[in-house]
Amino acid sequence: MGDFTMSMYDKAKDKLGEKADKAKDAANKGVDKATEAAREKTGGKYDEQIDKAANKAKDATRKAADKAGKSKRDR
């Protein structure tokens, strides 16, 4: 019974890791679209600030995905 329970637990962790990676990719695409829209609206005047904000947002999504999928990569 112990092997079965651990196997199901491992499968669930793997699925969560896969979902986290997909969510990170989708979030990064959204950040990229928002970054481009902000650049267009501001005419390049605030590109440095926009890039900083975009990088922070991508770091946050990476950290969240890494936390959710960490057990998958630790094997």
C-alpha atoms as a PDB file:
ATOM      1  CA  MET A   1       0.000   0.000   0.000  1.00  0.00           C
ATOM      2  CA  GLY A   2       2.882   2.379   0.780  1.00  0.00           C
ATOM      3  CA  ASP A   3       4.307   2.137  -2.758  1.00  0.00           C
ATOM      4  CA  PHE A   4       0.919   2.811  -4.297  1.00  0.00           C
ATOM      5  CA  THR A   5       0.370   5.881  -2.120  1.00  0.00           C
ATOM      6  CA  MET A   6       3.825   7.266  -2.895  1.00  0.00           C
ATOM      7  CA  SER A   7       3.322   6.584  -6.592  1.00  0.00           C
ATOM      8  CA  MET A   8       0.055   8.534  -6.633  1.00  0.00           C
ATOM      9  CA  TYR A   9       1.696  11.326  -4.653  1.00  0.00           C
ATOM     10  CA  ASP A  10       4.581  11.512  -7.149  1.00  0.00           C
ATOM     11  CA  LYS A  11       2.178  11.601 -10.085  1.00  0.00           C
ATOM     12  CA  ALA A  12       0.237  14.440  -8.483  1.00  0.00           C
ATOM     13  CA  LYS A  13       3.455  16.420  -7.903  1.00  0.00           C
ATOM     14  CA  ASP A  14       4.467  15.882 -11.529  1.00  0.00           C
ATOM     15  CA  LYS A  15       1.116  17.156 -12.771  1.00  0.00           C
ATOM     16  CA  LEU A  16       1.385  20.239 -10.575  1.00  0.00           C
ATOM     17  CA  GLY A  17       4.857  20.916 -11.962  1.00  0.00           C
ATOM     18  CA  GLU A  18       3.575  20.650 -15.530  1.00  0.00           C
ATOM     19  CA  LYS A  19       0.673  22.984 -14.788  1.00  0.00           C
ATOM     20  CA  ALA A  20       3.028  25.462 -13.128  1.00  0.00           C
ATOM     21  CA  ASP A  21       5.283  25.512 -16.201  1.00  0.00           C
ATOM     22  CA  LYS A  22       2.313  26.124 -18.500  1.00  0.00           C
ATOM     23  CA  ALA A  23       1.023  28.894 -16.236  1.00  0.00           C
ATOM     24  CA  LYS A  24       4.464  30.524 -16.175  1.00  0.00           C
ATOM     25  CA  ASP A  25       4.639  30.486 -19.977  1.00  0.00           C
ATOM     26  CA  ALA A  26       1.169  32.008 -20.274  1.00  0.00           C
ATOM     27  CA  ALA A  27       1.975  34.672 -17.689  1.00  0.00           C
ATOM     28  CA  ASN A  28       5.206  35.575 -19.473  1.00  0.00           C
ATOM     29  CA  LYS A  29       3.339  35.967 -22.757  1.00  0.00           C
ATOM     30  CA  GLY A  30       0.911  38.303 -20.988  1.00  0.00           C
ATOM     31  CA  VAL A  31       3.792  40.315 -19.547  1.00  0.00           C
ATOM     32  CA  ASP A  32       5.341  40.584 -23.010  1.00  0.00           C
ATOM     33  CA  LYS A  33       2.070  41.841 -24.507  1.00  0.00           C
ATOM     34  CA  ALA A  34       1.583  44.357 -21.702  1.00  0.00           C
ATOM     35  CA  THR A  35       5.183  45.518 -22.060  1.00  0.00           C
ATOM     36  CA  GLU A  36       4.770  46.121 -25.769  1.00  0.00           C
ATOM     37  CA  ALA A  37       1.475  47.961 -25.251  1.00  0.00           C
ATOM     38  CA  ALA A  38       3.004  50.184 -22.569  1.00  0.00           C
ATOM     39  CA  ARG A  39       5.972  50.991 -24.785  1.00  0.00           C
ATOM     40  CA  GLU A  40       3.680  51.966 -27.648  1.00  0.00           C
ATOM     41  CA  LYS A  41       1.486  54.133 -25.416  1.00  0.00           C
ATOM     42  CA  THR A  42       4.443  55.980 -23.894  1.00  0.00           C
ATOM     43  CA  GLY A  43       6.378  56.359 -27.123  1.00  0.00           C
ATOM     44  CA  GLY A  44       9.573  54.969 -25.628  1.00  0.00           C
ATOM     45  CA  LYS A  45       9.734  57.618 -22.923  1.00  0.00           C
ATOM     46  CA  TYR A  46       9.543  55.100 -20.063  1.00  0.00           C
ATOM     47  CA  ASP A  47      11.125  52.004 -21.628  1.00  0.00           C
ATOM     48  CA  GLU A  48      13.633  51.557 -18.792  1.00  0.00           C
ATOM     49  CA  GLN A  49      10.928  51.594 -16.123  1.00  0.00           C
ATOM     50  CA  ILE A  50       8.693  49.331 -18.189  1.00  0.00           C
ATOM     51  CA  ASP A  51      11.517  46.834 -18.639  1.00  0.00           C
ATOM     52  CA  LYS A  52      12.243  46.807 -14.896  1.00  0.00           C
ATOM     53  CA  ALA A  53       8.595  46.120 -14.119  1.00  0.00           C
ATOM     54  CA  ALA A  54       8.416  43.387 -16.766  1.00  0.00           C
ATOM     55  CA  ASN A  55      11.532  41.701 -15.403  1.00  0.00           C
ATOM     56  CA  LYS A  56      10.140  41.768 -11.868  1.00  0.00           C
ATOM     57  CA  ALA A  57       6.872  40.263 -13.066  1.00  0.00           C
ATOM     58  CA  LYS A  58       8.711  37.490 -14.934  1.00  0.00           C
ATOM     59  CA  ASP A  59      10.886  36.790 -11.894  1.00  0.00           C
ATOM     60  CA  ALA A  60       7.769  36.439  -9.761  1.00  0.00           C
ATOM     61  CA  THR A  61       6.158  33.975 -12.185  1.00  0.00           C
ATOM     62  CA  ARG A  62       9.422  32.008 -12.414  1.00  0.00           C
ATOM     63  CA  LYS A  63       9.686  31.787  -8.627  1.00  0.00           C
ATOM     64  CA  ALA A  64       6.065  30.684  -8.301  1.00  0.00           C
ATOM     65  CA  ALA A  65       6.486  28.031 -10.993  1.00  0.00           C
ATOM     66  CA  ASP A  66       9.758  26.847  -9.486  1.00  0.00           C
ATOM     67  CA  LYS A  67       8.131  26.525  -6.082  1.00  0.00           C
ATOM     68  CA  ALA A  68       5.189  24.569  -7.492  1.00  0.00           C
ATOM     69  CA  GLY A  69       7.317  22.323  -9.694  1.00  0.00           C
ATOM     70  CA  LYS A  70      10.411  22.004  -7.523  1.00  0.00           C
ATOM     71  CA  SER A  71       9.796  18.410  -6.552  1.00  0.00           C
ATOM     72  CA  LYS A  72       9.604  17.450 -10.223  1.00  0.00           C
ATOM     73  CA  ARG A  73      13.077  18.821 -10.986  1.00  0.00           C
ATOM     74  CA  ASP A  74      14.670  17.496  -7.779  1.00  0.00           C
ATOM     75  CA  ARG A  75      14.479  13.888  -8.896  1.00  0.00           C
END
